[in-house]
Amino acid sequence: MKKMIVALITVTFFAGVACAADVIEMKRGVSFNHKKHVEIIKDCKKCHENAEGGKIAGFGKDMAHKKACKDCHAEMKQGPTSCKGCHTK
């Protein structure tokens, strides 16, 4: 029974990752490469409320500019931290 639960959780996780959009076009010319972030971060709960993913509660300009995206990029020393780094279009 325990192996079946672990298998179910594993399949659910990988199905969610496989079904997630590779690149998400956001407002103001921002392209978000979800697949690349999954490969680098590996922990969905870093951004999402749970491991199943889905929309990020409270996501908006403030979160992208400071609380989540920009701070994480600075902390990991990867990814853009300037306006033109994200707003490419």
N, C-alpha and C. Protein backbone atom coordinates (compact mmCIF):
# COMPACT_ATOMS: atom_id res chain seq x y z
N MET A 1 0.83 -1.20 0.00
CA MET A 1 0.00 0.00 0.00
C MET A 1 0.87 1.27 0.00
N LYS A 2 1.92 1.25 0.80
CA LYS A 2 2.81 2.40 0.90
C LYS A 2 3.48 2.69 -0.45
N LYS A 3 3.92 1.63 -1.14
CA LYS A 3 4.55 1.79 -2.45
C LYS A 3 3.57 2.38 -3.45
N MET A 4 2.30 1.98 -3.35
CA MET A 4 1.29 2.48 -4.27
C MET A 4 1.06 3.97 -4.06
N ILE A 5 1.06 4.42 -2.84
CA ILE A 5 0.86 5.84 -2.53
C ILE A 5 2.05 6.65 -3.06
N VAL A 6 3.26 6.15 -2.83
CA VAL A 6 4.46 6.83 -3.31
C VAL A 6 4.43 6.91 -4.84
N ALA A 7 4.05 5.81 -5.49
CA ALA A 7 3.96 5.79 -6.95
C ALA A 7 2.93 6.78 -7.45
N LEU A 8 1.79 6.86 -6.80
CA LEU A 8 0.73 7.79 -7.19
C LEU A 8 1.19 9.24 -7.05
N ILE A 9 1.84 9.54 -5.97
CA ILE A 9 2.35 10.90 -5.75
C ILE A 9 3.39 11.25 -6.81
N THR A 10 4.28 10.31 -7.10
CA THR A 10 5.32 10.54 -8.11
C THR A 10 4.71 10.77 -9.49
N VAL A 11 3.75 9.95 -9.87
CA VAL A 11 3.10 10.10 -11.17
C VAL A 11 2.37 11.43 -11.25
N THR A 12 1.68 11.81 -10.18
CA THR A 12 0.95 13.08 -10.15
C THR A 12 1.92 14.26 -10.33
N PHE A 13 3.03 14.20 -9.63
CA PHE A 13 4.02 15.27 -9.72
C PHE A 13 4.56 15.41 -11.14
N PHE A 14 5.02 14.31 -11.71
CA PHE A 14 5.60 14.38 -13.05
C PHE A 14 4.57 14.70 -14.12
N ALA A 15 3.33 14.29 -13.92
CA ALA A 15 2.28 14.65 -14.87
C ALA A 15 2.05 16.16 -14.84
N GLY A 16 2.07 16.74 -13.65
CA GLY A 16 1.91 18.18 -13.52
C GLY A 16 3.03 18.94 -14.19
N VAL A 17 4.25 18.46 -14.01
CA VAL A 17 5.41 19.11 -14.64
C VAL A 17 5.33 18.97 -16.16
N ALA A 18 4.94 17.80 -16.62
CA ALA A 18 4.86 17.56 -18.07
C ALA A 18 3.77 18.39 -18.73
N CYS A 19 2.69 18.64 -18.01
CA CYS A 19 1.56 19.38 -18.59
C CYS A 19 1.71 20.89 -18.47
N ALA A 20 2.62 21.35 -17.63
CA ALA A 20 2.80 22.79 -17.45
C ALA A 20 3.34 23.40 -18.74
N ALA A 21 2.89 24.59 -19.04
CA ALA A 21 3.35 25.28 -20.25
C ALA A 21 4.85 25.53 -20.16
N ASP A 22 5.55 25.35 -21.26
CA ASP A 22 6.99 25.59 -21.27
C ASP A 22 7.30 27.07 -21.11
N VAL A 23 6.62 27.90 -21.90
CA VAL A 23 6.83 29.35 -21.83
C VAL A 23 5.48 30.03 -21.68
N ILE A 24 5.39 30.92 -20.70
CA ILE A 24 4.15 31.65 -20.43
C ILE A 24 4.38 33.11 -20.81
N GLU A 25 3.53 33.62 -21.69
CA GLU A 25 3.61 35.03 -22.09
C GLU A 25 2.81 35.85 -21.08
N MET A 26 3.48 36.76 -20.41
CA MET A 26 2.85 37.58 -19.39
C MET A 26 2.66 39.01 -19.90
N LYS A 27 2.17 39.86 -19.04
CA LYS A 27 1.94 41.26 -19.41
C LYS A 27 3.25 41.99 -19.64
N ARG A 28 3.14 43.08 -20.38
CA ARG A 28 4.25 44.02 -20.60
C ARG A 28 5.49 43.38 -21.23
N GLY A 29 5.30 42.39 -22.11
CA GLY A 29 6.41 41.82 -22.86
C GLY A 29 7.31 40.88 -22.08
N VAL A 30 6.79 40.28 -21.02
CA VAL A 30 7.58 39.35 -20.22
C VAL A 30 7.25 37.92 -20.64
N SER A 31 8.29 37.18 -21.03
CA SER A 31 8.14 35.76 -21.32
C SER A 31 8.74 34.99 -20.15
N PHE A 32 7.96 34.11 -19.56
CA PHE A 32 8.41 33.33 -18.40
C PHE A 32 8.60 31.89 -18.83
N ASN A 33 9.84 31.41 -18.78
CA ASN A 33 10.15 30.04 -19.16
C ASN A 33 9.96 29.13 -17.95
N HIS A 34 8.76 28.57 -17.83
CA HIS A 34 8.41 27.73 -16.69
C HIS A 34 9.27 26.48 -16.64
N LYS A 35 9.49 25.86 -17.78
CA LYS A 35 10.28 24.62 -17.84
C LYS A 35 11.68 24.85 -17.29
N LYS A 36 12.30 25.95 -17.68
CA LYS A 36 13.65 26.27 -17.21
C LYS A 36 13.67 26.47 -15.70
N HIS A 37 12.65 27.16 -15.17
CA HIS A 37 12.58 27.37 -13.73
C HIS A 37 12.40 26.06 -12.97
N VAL A 38 11.58 25.16 -13.50
CA VAL A 38 11.37 23.86 -12.87
C VAL A 38 12.70 23.09 -12.82
N GLU A 39 13.45 23.13 -13.91
CA GLU A 39 14.73 22.42 -13.97
C GLU A 39 15.74 22.98 -12.97
N ILE A 40 15.76 24.30 -12.79
CA ILE A 40 16.72 24.94 -11.90
C ILE A 40 16.30 24.84 -10.43
N ILE A 41 15.05 25.17 -10.14
CA ILE A 41 14.59 25.26 -8.75
C ILE A 41 14.19 23.90 -8.18
N LYS A 42 13.50 23.10 -8.96
CA LYS A 42 13.08 21.74 -8.60
C LYS A 42 12.04 21.66 -7.48
N ASP A 43 11.78 22.72 -6.78
CA ASP A 43 10.80 22.71 -5.68
C ASP A 43 9.65 23.65 -6.03
N CYS A 44 8.53 23.09 -6.47
CA CYS A 44 7.38 23.89 -6.89
C CYS A 44 6.89 24.83 -5.78
N LYS A 45 7.08 24.40 -4.52
CA LYS A 45 6.60 25.19 -3.39
C LYS A 45 7.42 26.46 -3.16
N LYS A 46 8.51 26.61 -3.89
CA LYS A 46 9.28 27.85 -3.80
C LYS A 46 8.43 29.02 -4.32
N CYS A 47 7.57 28.73 -5.33
CA CYS A 47 6.71 29.77 -5.91
C CYS A 47 5.23 29.49 -5.64
N HIS A 48 4.84 28.22 -5.74
CA HIS A 48 3.43 27.83 -5.59
C HIS A 48 3.12 27.44 -4.16
N GLU A 49 1.83 27.49 -3.80
CA GLU A 49 1.42 27.12 -2.45
C GLU A 49 1.59 25.64 -2.17
N ASN A 50 1.48 24.79 -3.21
CA ASN A 50 1.64 23.36 -3.02
C ASN A 50 2.38 22.77 -4.21
N ALA A 51 2.76 21.50 -4.11
CA ALA A 51 3.56 20.85 -5.14
C ALA A 51 2.79 20.60 -6.43
N GLU A 52 1.48 20.75 -6.40
CA GLU A 52 0.69 20.53 -7.62
C GLU A 52 0.75 21.72 -8.56
N GLY A 53 1.27 22.85 -8.10
CA GLY A 53 1.39 24.03 -8.94
C GLY A 53 0.10 24.81 -9.04
N GLY A 54 -0.21 25.31 -10.23
CA GLY A 54 -1.39 26.13 -10.42
C GLY A 54 -1.05 27.61 -10.32
N LYS A 55 -2.07 28.42 -10.33
CA LYS A 55 -1.86 29.87 -10.25
C LYS A 55 -1.20 30.22 -8.92
N ILE A 56 -0.39 31.25 -8.95
CA ILE A 56 0.30 31.69 -7.74
C ILE A 56 -0.57 32.75 -7.06
N ALA A 57 -0.99 32.45 -5.85
CA ALA A 57 -1.85 33.35 -5.09
C ALA A 57 -1.16 34.70 -4.88
N GLY A 58 -1.84 35.77 -5.21
CA GLY A 58 -1.32 37.11 -4.98
C GLY A 58 -0.27 37.57 -5.99
N PHE A 59 -0.08 36.79 -7.07
CA PHE A 59 0.96 37.16 -8.04
C PHE A 59 0.54 38.42 -8.79
N GLY A 60 1.45 39.34 -8.88
CA GLY A 60 1.21 40.59 -9.59
C GLY A 60 2.51 41.37 -9.65
N LYS A 61 2.38 42.64 -9.96
CA LYS A 61 3.54 43.51 -10.14
C LYS A 61 4.46 43.52 -8.90
N ASP A 62 3.89 43.69 -7.72
CA ASP A 62 4.70 43.75 -6.50
C ASP A 62 5.48 42.46 -6.28
N MET A 63 4.82 41.33 -6.47
CA MET A 63 5.49 40.05 -6.24
C MET A 63 6.60 39.83 -7.27
N ALA A 64 6.32 40.14 -8.52
CA ALA A 64 7.32 39.94 -9.57
C ALA A 64 8.51 40.88 -9.40
N HIS A 65 8.23 42.11 -9.04
CA HIS A 65 9.30 43.10 -8.95
C HIS A 65 10.12 42.98 -7.68
N LYS A 66 9.60 42.38 -6.67
CA LYS A 66 10.37 42.36 -5.43
C LYS A 66 10.28 41.01 -4.71
N LYS A 67 9.15 40.69 -4.21
CA LYS A 67 9.00 39.60 -3.25
C LYS A 67 9.43 38.22 -3.76
N ALA A 68 9.20 37.91 -5.01
CA ALA A 68 9.49 36.56 -5.48
C ALA A 68 10.56 36.57 -6.56
N CYS A 69 10.21 37.01 -7.72
CA CYS A 69 11.07 36.88 -8.90
C CYS A 69 12.42 37.58 -8.75
N LYS A 70 12.40 38.87 -8.59
CA LYS A 70 13.64 39.65 -8.57
C LYS A 70 14.54 39.26 -7.40
N ASP A 71 13.97 39.08 -6.22
CA ASP A 71 14.76 38.69 -5.06
C ASP A 71 15.38 37.31 -5.24
N CYS A 72 14.61 36.39 -5.81
CA CYS A 72 15.12 35.03 -6.05
C CYS A 72 16.27 35.07 -7.07
N HIS A 73 16.11 35.84 -8.12
CA HIS A 73 17.17 35.97 -9.12
C HIS A 73 18.44 36.52 -8.49
N ALA A 74 18.30 37.54 -7.64
CA ALA A 74 19.46 38.13 -6.97
C ALA A 74 20.10 37.12 -6.01
N GLU A 75 19.27 36.43 -5.25
CA GLU A 75 19.75 35.45 -4.29
C GLU A 75 20.51 34.31 -4.96
N MET A 76 19.98 33.82 -6.07
CA MET A 76 20.61 32.69 -6.77
C MET A 76 21.70 33.14 -7.76
N LYS A 77 21.83 34.46 -7.91
CA LYS A 77 22.79 35.03 -8.87
C LYS A 77 22.56 34.45 -10.27
N GLN A 78 21.28 34.33 -10.63
CA GLN A 78 20.86 33.85 -11.95
C GLN A 78 19.61 34.59 -12.34
N GLY A 79 19.46 34.85 -13.61
CA GLY A 79 18.25 35.49 -14.11
C GLY A 79 18.34 37.00 -14.06
N PRO A 80 17.45 37.64 -14.79
CA PRO A 80 17.48 39.10 -14.88
C PRO A 80 17.00 39.78 -13.61
N THR A 81 17.60 40.94 -13.32
CA THR A 81 17.16 41.76 -12.19
C THR A 81 16.89 43.20 -12.62
N SER A 82 17.11 43.51 -13.90
CA SER A 82 16.84 44.86 -14.40
C SER A 82 15.54 44.85 -15.20
N CYS A 83 14.98 46.02 -15.42
CA CYS A 83 13.73 46.15 -16.16
C CYS A 83 13.83 45.48 -17.54
N LYS A 84 14.85 45.86 -18.30
CA LYS A 84 15.00 45.33 -19.65
C LYS A 84 15.35 43.83 -19.67
N GLY A 85 15.80 43.31 -18.56
CA GLY A 85 16.11 41.88 -18.50
C GLY A 85 14.86 41.01 -18.60
N CYS A 86 13.75 41.50 -18.06
CA CYS A 86 12.47 40.78 -18.12
C CYS A 86 11.56 41.33 -19.21
N HIS A 87 11.47 42.65 -19.29
CA HIS A 87 10.60 43.31 -20.26
C HIS A 87 11.36 43.45 -21.57
N THR A 88 11.37 42.37 -22.35
CA THR A 88 12.19 42.34 -23.56
C THR A 88 11.46 42.82 -24.80
N LYS A 89 10.15 42.95 -24.75
CA LYS A 89 9.38 43.34 -25.94
C LYS A 89 8.81 44.72 -25.79
